[in-house]
Amino acid sequence: MTIRISSRAEAVQVAVHRKPLETDILLDEKGTAIPASSLFGILTFNNDEMQDRLPKDIYKKFQQTLNEGKKLDVEVANAIAHAVKEWALQSGASHFCHWFEPQPGLTAEKHDGFLTL
């Protein structure tokens, strides 16, 4: 008699028996360990990055969209998307994820990679 294990049970068994992942500890210039919590959010496409990378007129239009509730112009959206992509590639990104909430209480993600042929 053969016992068939469900995919879920098999995944649980794999997870339970998985060996811990070895990671490098980041050190500062004095050799002291840098806590991971101090690194959270340091690579963020924030307002300063946006202001530095966008043409002045595009940045101004985007600020009006935020502050005055104006409709987001396609030209502005495309310029921001391009700036974010260039910033991400310069920051060493190889993949990106869209995280969103399609329904109250639920989340979803879409993962993609940057591909250069």
PDB file of N, CA and C in Angstrom:
ATOM      1  N   MET A   1       0.832  -1.172   0.000  1.00  0.00           N
ATOM      2  CA  MET A   1       0.000   0.000   0.000  1.00  0.00           C
ATOM      3  C   MET A   1       0.883   1.243   0.000  1.00  0.00           C
ATOM      4  N   THR A   2       0.608   2.168  -0.917  1.00  0.00           N
ATOM      5  CA  THR A   2       1.378   3.402  -1.033  1.00  0.00           C
ATOM      6  C   THR A   2       0.624   4.545  -0.376  1.00  0.00           C
ATOM      7  N   ILE A   3       1.327   5.283   0.461  1.00  0.00           N
ATOM      8  CA  ILE A   3       0.719   6.446   1.109  1.00  0.00           C
ATOM      9  C   ILE A   3       1.138   7.687   0.321  1.00  0.00           C
ATOM     10  N   ARG A   4       0.143   8.423  -0.118  1.00  0.00           N
ATOM     11  CA  ARG A   4       0.413   9.626  -0.902  1.00  0.00           C
ATOM     12  C   ARG A   4       0.359  10.841   0.023  1.00  0.00           C
ATOM     13  N   ILE A   5       1.410  11.635  -0.007  1.00  0.00           N
ATOM     14  CA  ILE A   5       1.481  12.837   0.824  1.00  0.00           C
ATOM     15  C   ILE A   5       0.986  14.015  -0.008  1.00  0.00           C
ATOM     16  N   SER A   6       0.128  14.821   0.589  1.00  0.00           N
ATOM     17  CA  SER A   6      -0.389  15.976  -0.136  1.00  0.00           C
ATOM     18  C   SER A   6       0.731  16.995  -0.372  1.00  0.00           C
ATOM     19  N   SER A   7       0.549  17.835  -1.362  1.00  0.00           N
ATOM     20  CA  SER A   7       1.534  18.869  -1.680  1.00  0.00           C
ATOM     21  C   SER A   7       1.765  19.787  -0.489  1.00  0.00           C
ATOM     22  N   ARG A   8       0.691  20.133   0.211  1.00  0.00           N
ATOM     23  CA  ARG A   8       0.816  21.009   1.381  1.00  0.00           C
ATOM     24  C   ARG A   8       1.652  20.340   2.469  1.00  0.00           C
ATOM     25  N   ALA A   9       1.367  19.085   2.752  1.00  0.00           N
ATOM     26  CA  ALA A   9       2.112  18.360   3.783  1.00  0.00           C
ATOM     27  C   ALA A   9       3.578  18.218   3.378  1.00  0.00           C
ATOM     28  N   GLU A  10       3.808  17.988   2.104  1.00  0.00           N
ATOM     29  CA  GLU A  10       5.186  17.879   1.616  1.00  0.00           C
ATOM     30  C   GLU A  10       5.919  19.208   1.767  1.00  0.00           C
ATOM     31  N   ALA A  11       5.250  20.319   1.460  1.00  0.00           N
ATOM     32  CA  ALA A  11       5.861  21.641   1.610  1.00  0.00           C
ATOM     33  C   ALA A  11       6.193  21.929   3.070  1.00  0.00           C
ATOM     34  N   VAL A  12       5.310  21.521   3.970  1.00  0.00           N
ATOM     35  CA  VAL A  12       5.558  21.707   5.403  1.00  0.00           C
ATOM     36  C   VAL A  12       6.790  20.901   5.813  1.00  0.00           C
ATOM     37  N   GLN A  13       6.891  19.675   5.356  1.00  0.00           N
ATOM     38  CA  GLN A  13       8.042  18.838   5.698  1.00  0.00           C
ATOM     39  C   GLN A  13       9.347  19.449   5.183  1.00  0.00           C
ATOM     40  N   VAL A  14       9.331  19.978   3.980  1.00  0.00           N
ATOM     41  CA  VAL A  14      10.524  20.620   3.425  1.00  0.00           C
ATOM     42  C   VAL A  14      10.906  21.829   4.272  1.00  0.00           C
ATOM     43  N   ALA A  15       9.916  22.644   4.641  1.00  0.00           N
ATOM     44  CA  ALA A  15      10.176  23.840   5.444  1.00  0.00           C
ATOM     45  C   ALA A  15      10.709  23.490   6.825  1.00  0.00           C
ATOM     46  N   VAL A  16      10.143  22.475   7.444  1.00  0.00           N
ATOM     47  CA  VAL A  16      10.546  22.073   8.795  1.00  0.00           C
ATOM     48  C   VAL A  16      11.992  21.573   8.810  1.00  0.00           C
ATOM     49  N   HIS A  17      12.400  20.901   7.758  1.00  0.00           N
ATOM     50  CA  HIS A  17      13.738  20.299   7.729  1.00  0.00           C
ATOM     51  C   HIS A  17      14.773  21.167   7.005  1.00  0.00           C
ATOM     52  N   ARG A  18      14.385  22.354   6.618  1.00  0.00           N
ATOM     53  CA  ARG A  18      15.317  23.239   5.918  1.00  0.00           C
ATOM     54  C   ARG A  18      16.377  23.745   6.886  1.00  0.00           C
ATOM     55  N   LYS A  19      17.624  23.786   6.416  1.00  0.00           N
ATOM     56  CA  LYS A  19      18.723  24.288   7.239  1.00  0.00           C
ATOM     57  C   LYS A  19      18.703  25.810   7.233  1.00  0.00           C
ATOM     58  N   PRO A  20      19.116  26.430   8.334  1.00  0.00           N
ATOM     59  CA  PRO A  20      19.142  27.902   8.391  1.00  0.00           C
ATOM     60  C   PRO A  20      20.049  28.475   7.304  1.00  0.00           C
ATOM     61  N   LEU A  21      19.647  29.591   6.765  1.00  0.00           N
ATOM     62  CA  LEU A  21      20.408  30.272   5.725  1.00  0.00           C
ATOM     63  C   LEU A  21      21.546  31.047   6.367  1.00  0.00           C
ATOM     64  N   GLU A  22      22.739  30.852   5.879  1.00  0.00           N
ATOM     65  CA  GLU A  22      23.893  31.598   6.379  1.00  0.00           C
ATOM     66  C   GLU A  22      23.906  32.972   5.718  1.00  0.00           C
ATOM     67  N   THR A  23      24.073  34.010   6.510  1.00  0.00           N
ATOM     68  CA  THR A  23      24.152  35.367   5.971  1.00  0.00           C
ATOM     69  C   THR A  23      25.377  36.063   6.532  1.00  0.00           C
ATOM     70  N   ASP A  24      25.875  37.011   5.781  1.00  0.00           N
ATOM     71  CA  ASP A  24      27.000  37.807   6.244  1.00  0.00           C
ATOM     72  C   ASP A  24      26.493  38.887   7.191  1.00  0.00           C
ATOM     73  N   ILE A  25      27.256  39.145   8.229  1.00  0.00           N
ATOM     74  CA  ILE A  25      26.918  40.230   9.143  1.00  0.00           C
ATOM     75  C   ILE A  25      27.609  41.484   8.620  1.00  0.00           C
ATOM     76  N   LEU A  26      26.851  42.546   8.454  1.00  0.00           N
ATOM     77  CA  LEU A  26      27.429  43.801   7.992  1.00  0.00           C
ATOM     78  C   LEU A  26      28.151  44.478   9.139  1.00  0.00           C
ATOM     79  N   LEU A  27      29.348  44.972   8.837  1.00  0.00           N
ATOM     80  CA  LEU A  27      30.163  45.632   9.845  1.00  0.00           C
ATOM     81  C   LEU A  27      30.438  47.066   9.440  1.00  0.00           C
ATOM     82  N   ASP A  28      30.519  47.945  10.423  1.00  0.00           N
ATOM     83  CA  ASP A  28      30.901  49.324  10.130  1.00  0.00           C
ATOM     84  C   ASP A  28      32.425  49.415  10.031  1.00  0.00           C
ATOM     85  N   GLU A  29      32.942  50.632   9.839  1.00  0.00           N
ATOM     86  CA  GLU A  29      34.387  50.810   9.648  1.00  0.00           C
ATOM     87  C   GLU A  29      35.209  50.406  10.878  1.00  0.00           C
ATOM     88  N   LYS A  30      34.574  50.324  12.052  1.00  0.00           N
ATOM     89  CA  LYS A  30      35.273  49.911  13.281  1.00  0.00           C
ATOM     90  C   LYS A  30      35.143  48.412  13.535  1.00  0.00           C
ATOM     91  N   GLY A  31      34.426  47.704  12.669  1.00  0.00           N
ATOM     92  CA  GLY A  31      34.241  46.268  12.835  1.00  0.00           C
ATOM     93  C   GLY A  31      33.067  45.893  13.715  1.00  0.00           C
ATOM     94  N   THR A  32      32.239  46.878  14.074  1.00  0.00           N
ATOM     95  CA  THR A  32      31.065  46.627  14.903  1.00  0.00           C
ATOM     96  C   THR A  32      29.893  46.213  14.016  1.00  0.00           C
ATOM     97  N   ALA A  33      29.142  45.212  14.449  1.00  0.00           N
ATOM     98  CA  ALA A  33      27.985  44.742  13.674  1.00  0.00           C
ATOM     99  C   ALA A  33      26.952  45.852  13.529  1.00  0.00           C
ATOM    100  N   ILE A  34      26.426  45.993  12.318  1.00  0.00           N
ATOM    101  CA  ILE A  34      25.382  46.980  12.035  1.00  0.00           C
ATOM    102  C   ILE A  34      24.036  46.269  12.165  1.00  0.00           C
ATOM    103  N   PRO A  35      23.154  46.740  13.054  1.00  0.00           N
ATOM    104  CA  PRO A  35      21.848  46.078  13.187  1.00  0.00           C
ATOM    105  C   PRO A  35      21.018  46.252  11.911  1.00  0.00           C
ATOM    106  N   ALA A  36      20.350  45.197  11.513  1.00  0.00           N
ATOM    107  CA  ALA A  36      19.526  45.242  10.300  1.00  0.00           C
ATOM    108  C   ALA A  36      18.467  46.337  10.378  1.00  0.00           C
ATOM    109  N   SER A  37      17.973  46.607  11.582  1.00  0.00           N
ATOM    110  CA  SER A  37      16.934  47.631  11.733  1.00  0.00           C
ATOM    111  C   SER A  37      17.419  49.019  11.308  1.00  0.00           C
ATOM    112  N   SER A  38      18.728  49.264  11.385  1.00  0.00           N
ATOM    113  CA  SER A  38      19.240  50.574  10.984  1.00  0.00           C
ATOM    114  C   SER A  38      19.342  50.705   9.466  1.00  0.00           C
ATOM    115  N   LEU A  39      19.212  49.600   8.750  1.00  0.00           N
ATOM    116  CA  LEU A  39      19.297  49.620   7.285  1.00  0.00           C
ATOM    117  C   LEU A  39      17.926  49.740   6.625  1.00  0.00           C
ATOM    118  N   PHE A  40      16.862  49.505   7.405  1.00  0.00           N
ATOM    119  CA  PHE A  40      15.513  49.500   6.839  1.00  0.00           C
ATOM    120  C   PHE A  40      15.174  50.854   6.222  1.00  0.00           C
ATOM    121  N   GLY A  41      14.783  50.836   4.969  1.00  0.00           N
ATOM    122  CA  GLY A  41      14.309  52.041   4.298  1.00  0.00           C
ATOM    123  C   GLY A  41      15.385  52.975   3.774  1.00  0.00           C
ATOM    124  N   ILE A  42      16.670  52.571   3.813  1.00  0.00           N
ATOM    125  CA  ILE A  42      17.699  53.500   3.355  1.00  0.00           C
ATOM    126  C   ILE A  42      17.699  53.647   1.833  1.00  0.00           C
ATOM    127  N   LEU A  43      17.229  52.639   1.126  1.00  0.00           N
ATOM    128  CA  LEU A  43      17.112  52.738  -0.330  1.00  0.00           C
ATOM    129  C   LEU A  43      15.647  52.956  -0.681  1.00  0.00           C
ATOM    130  N   THR A  44      15.194  54.182  -0.511  1.00  0.00           N
ATOM    131  CA  THR A  44      13.804  54.537  -0.762  1.00  0.00           C
ATOM    132  C   THR A  44      13.755  55.678  -1.762  1.00  0.00           C
ATOM    133  N   PHE A  45      12.936  55.509  -2.786  1.00  0.00           N
ATOM    134  CA  PHE A  45      12.741  56.593  -3.754  1.00  0.00           C
ATOM    135  C   PHE A  45      11.815  57.606  -3.107  1.00  0.00           C
ATOM    136  N   ASN A  46      12.409  58.509  -2.354  1.00  0.00           N
ATOM    137  CA  ASN A  46      11.635  59.471  -1.576  1.00  0.00           C
ATOM    138  C   ASN A  46      11.535  60.821  -2.292  1.00  0.00           C
ATOM    139  N   ASN A  47      10.992  61.793  -1.617  1.00  0.00           N
ATOM    140  CA  ASN A  47      10.784  63.112  -2.217  1.00  0.00           C
ATOM    141  C   ASN A  47      12.107  63.749  -2.650  1.00  0.00           C
ATOM    142  N   ASP A  48      13.155  63.590  -1.850  1.00  0.00           N
ATOM    143  CA  ASP A  48      14.453  64.175  -2.219  1.00  0.00           C
ATOM    144  C   ASP A  48      14.984  63.559  -3.509  1.00  0.00           C
ATOM    145  N   GLU A  49      14.897  62.231  -3.618  1.00  0.00           N
ATOM    146  CA  GLU A  49      15.331  61.554  -4.855  1.00  0.00           C
ATOM    147  C   GLU A  49      14.515  62.043  -6.043  1.00  0.00           C
ATOM    148  N   MET A  50      13.211  62.148  -5.822  1.00  0.00           N
ATOM    149  CA  MET A  50      12.325  62.589  -6.892  1.00  0.00           C
ATOM    150  C   MET A  50      12.692  64.000  -7.361  1.00  0.00           C
ATOM    151  N   GLN A  51      12.910  64.884  -6.421  1.00  0.00           N
ATOM    152  CA  GLN A  51      13.240  66.270  -6.762  1.00  0.00           C
ATOM    153  C   GLN A  51      14.572  66.346  -7.509  1.00  0.00           C
ATOM    154  N   ASP A  52      15.533  65.509  -7.113  1.00  0.00           N
ATOM    155  CA  ASP A  52      16.843  65.500  -7.770  1.00  0.00           C
ATOM    156  C   ASP A  52      16.779  64.926  -9.187  1.00  0.00           C
ATOM    157  N   ARG A  53      15.891  63.975  -9.427  1.00  0.00           N
ATOM    158  CA  ARG A  53      15.900  63.228 -10.686  1.00  0.00           C
ATOM    159  C   ARG A  53      14.881  63.688 -11.728  1.00  0.00           C
ATOM    160  N   LEU A  54      13.844  64.354 -11.281  1.00  0.00           N
ATOM    161  CA  LEU A  54      12.806  64.775 -12.233  1.00  0.00           C
ATOM    162  C   LEU A  54      13.084  66.180 -12.758  1.00  0.00           C
ATOM    163  N   PRO A  55      12.673  66.455 -14.023  1.00  0.00           N
ATOM    164  CA  PRO A  55      12.722  67.839 -14.494  1.00  0.00           C
ATOM    165  C   PRO A  55      11.851  68.709 -13.581  1.00  0.00           C
ATOM    166  N   LYS A  56      12.245  69.959 -13.406  1.00  0.00           N
ATOM    167  CA  LYS A  56      11.553  70.842 -12.459  1.00  0.00           C
ATOM    168  C   LYS A  56      10.064  70.967 -12.750  1.00  0.00           C
ATOM    169  N   ASP A  57       9.683  71.082 -14.026  1.00  0.00           N
ATOM    170  CA  ASP A  57       8.265  71.239 -14.352  1.00  0.00           C
ATOM    171  C   ASP A  57       7.463  69.982 -14.011  1.00  0.00           C
ATOM    172  N   ILE A  58       8.070  68.819 -14.220  1.00  0.00           N
ATOM    173  CA  ILE A  58       7.400  67.556 -13.892  1.00  0.00           C
ATOM    174  C   ILE A  58       7.241  67.437 -12.379  1.00  0.00           C
ATOM    175  N   TYR A  59       8.292  67.768 -11.633  1.00  0.00           N
ATOM    176  CA  TYR A  59       8.217  67.705 -10.172  1.00  0.00           C
ATOM    177  C   TYR A  59       7.143  68.651  -9.658  1.00  0.00           C
ATOM    178  N   LYS A  60       7.090  69.840 -10.213  1.00  0.00           N
ATOM    179  CA  LYS A  60       6.088  70.840  -9.791  1.00  0.00           C
ATOM    180  C   LYS A  60       4.669  70.329 -10.070  1.00  0.00           C
ATOM    181  N   LYS A  61       4.452  69.745 -11.250  1.00  0.00           N
ATOM    182  CA  LYS A  61       3.133  69.202 -11.585  1.00  0.00           C
ATOM    183  C   LYS A  61       2.741  68.074 -10.633  1.00  0.00           C
ATOM    184  N   PHE A  62       3.719  67.255 -10.269  1.00  0.00           N
ATOM    185  CA  PHE A  62       3.417  66.158  -9.349  1.00  0.00           C
ATOM    186  C   PHE A  62       3.056  66.690  -7.968  1.00  0.00           C
ATOM    187  N   GLN A  63       3.766  67.699  -7.504  1.00  0.00           N
ATOM    188  CA  GLN A  63       3.448  68.299  -6.208  1.00  0.00           C
ATOM    189  C   GLN A  63       2.038  68.898  -6.219  1.00  0.00           C
ATOM    190  N   GLN A  64       1.652  69.505  -7.347  1.00  0.00           N
ATOM    191  CA  GLN A  64       0.292  70.037  -7.470  1.00  0.00           C
ATOM    192  C   GLN A  64      -0.729  68.903  -7.396  1.00  0.00           C
ATOM    193  N   THR A  65      -0.397  67.774  -8.013  1.00  0.00           N
ATOM    194  CA  THR A  65      -1.291  66.609  -7.952  1.00  0.00           C
ATOM    195  C   THR A  65      -1.491  66.183  -6.505  1.00  0.00           C
ATOM    196  N   LEU A  66      -0.405  66.135  -5.748  1.00  0.00           N
ATOM    197  CA  LEU A  66      -0.496  65.718  -4.343  1.00  0.00           C
ATOM    198  C   LEU A  66      -1.209  66.749  -3.481  1.00  0.00           C
ATOM    199  N   ASN A  67      -0.829  68.000  -3.631  1.00  0.00           N
ATOM    200  CA  ASN A  67      -1.309  69.047  -2.723  1.00  0.00           C
ATOM    201  C   ASN A  67      -2.689  69.589  -3.066  1.00  0.00           C
ATOM    202  N   GLU A  68      -3.034  69.559  -4.345  1.00  0.00           N
ATOM    203  CA  GLU A  68      -4.296  70.168  -4.784  1.00  0.00           C
ATOM    204  C   GLU A  68      -5.307  69.141  -5.273  1.00  0.00           C
ATOM    205  N   GLY A  69      -4.911  67.869  -5.249  1.00  0.00           N
ATOM    206  CA  GLY A  69      -5.835  66.827  -5.679  1.00  0.00           C
ATOM    207  C   GLY A  69      -6.084  66.811  -7.174  1.00  0.00           C
ATOM    208  N   LYS A  70      -5.145  67.396  -7.940  1.00  0.00           N
ATOM    209  CA  LYS A  70      -5.300  67.400  -9.396  1.00  0.00           C
ATOM    210  C   LYS A  70      -5.100  66.000  -9.957  1.00  0.00           C
ATOM    211  N   LYS A  71      -5.640  65.763 -11.121  1.00  0.00           N
ATOM    212  CA  LYS A  71      -5.511  64.476 -11.794  1.00  0.00           C
ATOM    213  C   LYS A  71      -4.050  64.278 -12.219  1.00  0.00           C
ATOM    214  N   LEU A  72      -3.549  63.041 -12.047  1.00  0.00           N
ATOM    215  CA  LEU A  72      -2.176  62.728 -12.434  1.00  0.00           C
ATOM    216  C   LEU A  72      -2.084  62.669 -13.951  1.00  0.00           C
ATOM    217  N   ASP A  73      -1.269  63.527 -14.490  1.00  0.00           N
ATOM    218  CA  ASP A  73      -1.047  63.623 -15.926  1.00  0.00           C
ATOM    219  C   ASP A  73      -0.217  62.430 -16.406  1.00  0.00           C
ATOM    220  N   VAL A  74      -0.507  61.904 -17.583  1.00  0.00           N
ATOM    221  CA  VAL A  74       0.216  60.750 -18.130  1.00  0.00           C
ATOM    222  C   VAL A  74       1.699  61.067 -18.305  1.00  0.00           C
ATOM    223  N   GLU A  75       2.008  62.266 -18.752  1.00  0.00           N
ATOM    224  CA  GLU A  75       3.405  62.674 -18.942  1.00  0.00           C
ATOM    225  C   GLU A  75       4.156  62.628 -17.604  1.00  0.00           C
ATOM    226  N   VAL A  76       3.513  63.103 -16.550  1.00  0.00           N
ATOM    227  CA  VAL A  76       4.125  63.102 -15.216  1.00  0.00           C
ATOM    228  C   VAL A  76       4.310  61.660 -14.732  1.00  0.00           C
ATOM    229  N   ALA A  77       3.293  60.849 -14.885  1.00  0.00           N
ATOM    230  CA  ALA A  77       3.368  59.448 -14.447  1.00  0.00           C
ATOM    231  C   ALA A  77       4.495  58.712 -15.171  1.00  0.00           C
ATOM    232  N   ASN A  78       4.614  58.908 -16.471  1.00  0.00           N
ATOM    233  CA  ASN A  78       5.668  58.252 -17.242  1.00  0.00           C
ATOM    234  C   ASN A  78       7.058  58.735 -16.826  1.00  0.00           C
ATOM    235  N   ALA A  79       7.198  60.025 -16.557  1.00  0.00           N
ATOM    236  CA  ALA A  79       8.486  60.570 -16.126  1.00  0.00           C
ATOM    237  C   ALA A  79       8.887  59.997 -14.767  1.00  0.00           C
ATOM    238  N   ILE A  80       7.927  59.888 -13.867  1.00  0.00           N
ATOM    239  CA  ILE A  80       8.213  59.325 -12.542  1.00  0.00           C
ATOM    240  C   ILE A  80       8.579  57.850 -12.663  1.00  0.00           C
ATOM    241  N   ALA A  81       7.837  57.112 -13.472  1.00  0.00           N
ATOM    242  CA  ALA A  81       8.129  55.685 -13.665  1.00  0.00           C
ATOM    243  C   ALA A  81       9.542  55.492 -14.206  1.00  0.00           C
ATOM    244  N   HIS A  82       9.926  56.315 -15.160  1.00  0.00           N
ATOM    245  CA  HIS A  82      11.273  56.221 -15.735  1.00  0.00           C
ATOM    246  C   HIS A  82      12.334  56.554 -14.680  1.00  0.00           C
ATOM    247  N   ALA A  83      12.094  57.607 -13.894  1.00  0.00           N
ATOM    248  CA  ALA A  83      13.045  58.014 -12.854  1.00  0.00           C
ATOM    249  C   ALA A  83      13.199  56.915 -11.799  1.00  0.00           C
ATOM    250  N   VAL A  84      12.089  56.301 -11.405  1.00  0.00           N
ATOM    251  CA  VAL A  84      12.145  55.218 -10.413  1.00  0.00           C
ATOM    252  C   VAL A  84      12.933  54.039 -10.969  1.00  0.00           C
ATOM    253  N   LYS A  85      12.686  53.690 -12.223  1.00  0.00           N
ATOM    254  CA  LYS A  85      13.401  52.562 -12.843  1.00  0.00           C
ATOM    255  C   LYS A  85      14.899  52.842 -12.886  1.00  0.00           C
ATOM    256  N   GLU A  86      15.295  54.019 -13.349  1.00  0.00           N
ATOM    257  CA  GLU A  86      16.711  54.363 -13.438  1.00  0.00           C
ATOM    258  C   GLU A  86      17.363  54.374 -12.054  1.00  0.00           C
ATOM    259  N   TRP A  87      16.660  54.930 -11.074  1.00  0.00           N
ATOM    260  CA  TRP A  87      17.163  54.954  -9.701  1.00  0.00           C
ATOM    261  C   TRP A  87      17.353  53.527  -9.182  1.00  0.00           C
ATOM    262  N   ALA A  88      16.379  52.673  -9.431  1.00  0.00           N
ATOM    263  CA  ALA A  88      16.447  51.289  -8.954  1.00  0.00           C
ATOM    264  C   ALA A  88      17.625  50.545  -9.580  1.00  0.00           C
ATOM    265  N   LEU A  89      17.795  50.692 -10.883  1.00  0.00           N
ATOM    266  CA  LEU A  89      18.907  50.025 -11.553  1.00  0.00           C
ATOM    267  C   LEU A  89      20.245  50.545 -11.035  1.00  0.00           C
ATOM    268  N   GLN A  90      20.362  51.853 -10.830  1.00  0.00           N
ATOM    269  CA  GLN A  90      21.596  52.434 -10.295  1.00  0.00           C
ATOM    270  C   GLN A  90      21.845  51.990  -8.856  1.00  0.00           C
ATOM    271  N   SER A  91      20.790  51.637  -8.153  1.00  0.00           N
ATOM    272  CA  SER A  91      20.905  51.173  -6.765  1.00  0.00           C
ATOM    273  C   SER A  91      21.157  49.669  -6.683  1.00  0.00           C
ATOM    274  N   GLY A  92      21.233  48.993  -7.832  1.00  0.00           N
ATOM    275  CA  GLY A  92      21.552  47.572  -7.858  1.00  0.00           C
ATOM    276  C   GLY A  92      20.366  46.626  -7.902  1.00  0.00           C
ATOM    277  N   ALA A  93      19.174  47.135  -8.151  1.00  0.00           N
ATOM    278  CA  ALA A  93      17.997  46.270  -8.190  1.00  0.00           C
ATOM    279  C   ALA A  93      18.019  45.377  -9.431  1.00  0.00           C
ATOM    280  N   SER A  94      17.578  44.139  -9.261  1.00  0.00           N
ATOM    281  CA  SER A  94      17.426  43.234 -10.394  1.00  0.00           C
ATOM    282  C   SER A  94      15.964  42.814 -10.552  1.00  0.00           C
ATOM    283  N   HIS A  95      15.153  43.024  -9.493  1.00  0.00           N
ATOM    284  CA  HIS A  95      13.743  42.650  -9.491  1.00  0.00           C
ATOM    285  C   HIS A  95      12.941  43.735  -8.789  1.00  0.00           C
ATOM    286  N   PHE A  96      11.634  43.703  -9.007  1.00  0.00           N
ATOM    287  CA  PHE A  96      10.770  44.635  -8.305  1.00  0.00           C
ATOM    288  C   PHE A  96       9.428  43.976  -8.044  1.00  0.00           C
ATOM    289  N   CYS A  97       8.696  44.554  -7.108  1.00  0.00           N
ATOM    290  CA  CYS A  97       7.428  43.985  -6.680  1.00  0.00           C
ATOM    291  C   CYS A  97       6.401  45.097  -6.533  1.00  0.00           C
ATOM    292  N   HIS A  98       5.218  44.863  -7.056  1.00  0.00           N
ATOM    293  CA  HIS A  98       4.078  45.752  -6.815  1.00  0.00           C
ATOM    294  C   HIS A  98       3.271  45.126  -5.689  1.00  0.00           C
ATOM    295  N   TRP A  99       3.072  45.855  -4.630  1.00  0.00           N
ATOM    296  CA  TRP A  99       2.267  45.369  -3.508  1.00  0.00           C
ATOM    297  C   TRP A  99       1.026  46.230  -3.435  1.00  0.00           C
ATOM    298  N   PHE A 100      -0.124  45.619  -3.338  1.00  0.00           N
ATOM    299  CA  PHE A 100      -1.361  46.394  -3.331  1.00  0.00           C
ATOM    300  C   PHE A 100      -2.429  45.669  -2.537  1.00  0.00           C
ATOM    301  N   GLU A 101      -3.489  46.384  -2.245  1.00  0.00           N
ATOM    302  CA  GLU A 101      -4.609  45.832  -1.483  1.00  0.00           C
ATOM    303  C   GLU A 101      -5.866  45.880  -2.340  1.00  0.00           C
ATOM    304  N   PRO A 102      -6.161  44.770  -3.034  1.00  0.00           N
ATOM    305  CA  PRO A 102      -7.319  44.764  -3.924  1.00  0.00           C
ATOM    306  C   PRO A 102      -8.660  44.770  -3.194  1.00  0.00           C
ATOM    307  N   GLN A 103      -8.695  44.214  -1.992  1.00  0.00           N
ATOM    308  CA  GLN A 103      -9.931  44.167  -1.212  1.00  0.00           C
ATOM    309  C   GLN A 103      -9.584  44.441   0.245  1.00  0.00           C
ATOM    310  N   PRO A 104     -10.517  44.970   1.008  1.00  0.00           N
ATOM    311  CA  PRO A 104     -10.232  45.223   2.427  1.00  0.00           C
ATOM    312  C   PRO A 104      -9.756  43.958   3.144  1.00  0.00           C
ATOM    313  N   GLY A 105      -8.642  44.101   3.823  1.00  0.00           N
ATOM    314  CA  GLY A 105      -8.126  42.989   4.600  1.00  0.00           C
ATOM    315  C   GLY A 105      -7.266  42.000   3.832  1.00  0.00           C
ATOM    316  N   LEU A 106      -7.130  42.176   2.534  1.00  0.00           N
ATOM    317  CA  LEU A 106      -6.329  41.267   1.720  1.00  0.00           C
ATOM    318  C   LEU A 106      -5.213  42.033   1.033  1.00  0.00           C
ATOM    319  N   THR A 107      -4.122  41.347   0.719  1.00  0.00           N
ATOM    320  CA  THR A 107      -3.046  41.957  -0.048  1.00  0.00           C
ATOM    321  C   THR A 107      -2.692  41.055  -1.220  1.00  0.00           C
ATOM    322  N   ALA A 108      -1.978  41.629  -2.164  1.00  0.00           N
ATOM    323  CA  ALA A 108      -1.507  40.867  -3.309  1.00  0.00           C
ATOM    324  C   ALA A 108      -0.169  41.443  -3.742  1.00  0.00           C
ATOM    325  N   GLU A 109       0.603  40.640  -4.435  1.00  0.00           N
ATOM    326  CA  GLU A 109       1.890  41.076  -4.933  1.00  0.00           C
ATOM    327  C   GLU A 109       2.075  40.596  -6.359  1.00  0.00           C
ATOM    328  N   LYS A 110       2.823  41.378  -7.113  1.00  0.00           N
ATOM    329  CA  LYS A 110       3.204  40.996  -8.474  1.00  0.00           C
ATOM    330  C   LYS A 110       4.704  41.213  -8.570  1.00  0.00           C
ATOM    331  N   HIS A 111       5.449  40.159  -8.877  1.00  0.00           N
ATOM    332  CA  HIS A 111       6.903  40.243  -8.939  1.00  0.00           C
ATOM    333  C   HIS A 111       7.356  40.219 -10.393  1.00  0.00           C
ATOM    334  N   ASP A 112       8.342  41.072 -10.719  1.00  0.00           N
ATOM    335  CA  ASP A 112       8.925  41.119 -12.039  1.00  0.00           C
ATOM    336  C   ASP A 112      10.436  41.309 -11.912  1.00  0.00           C
ATOM    337  N   GLY A 113      11.131  41.140 -13.016  1.00  0.00           N
ATOM    338  CA  GLY A 113      12.576  41.356 -13.023  1.00  0.00           C
ATOM    339  C   GLY A 113      12.956  42.302 -14.141  1.00  0.00           C
ATOM    340  N   PHE A 114      14.061  43.011 -13.945  1.00  0.00           N
ATOM    341  CA  PHE A 114      14.600  43.845 -15.003  1.00  0.00           C
ATOM    342  C   PHE A 114      15.386  42.935 -15.933  1.00  0.00           C
ATOM    343  N   LEU A 115      15.141  43.034 -17.217  1.00  0.00           N
ATOM    344  CA  LEU A 115      15.784  42.150 -18.186  1.00  0.00           C
ATOM    345  C   LEU A 115      16.411  42.999 -19.267  1.00  0.00           C
ATOM    346  N   THR A 116      17.699  42.784 -19.497  1.00  0.00           N
ATOM    347  CA  THR A 116      18.394  43.485 -20.556  1.00  0.00           C
ATOM    348  C   THR A 116      18.869  42.450 -21.559  1.00  0.00           C
ATOM    349  N   LEU A 117      18.428  42.584 -22.792  1.00  0.00           N
ATOM    350  CA  LEU A 117      18.832  41.641 -23.833  1.00  0.00           C
ATOM    351  C   LEU A 117      20.038  42.162 -24.577  1.00  0.00           C
TER     352      LEU A 117
END
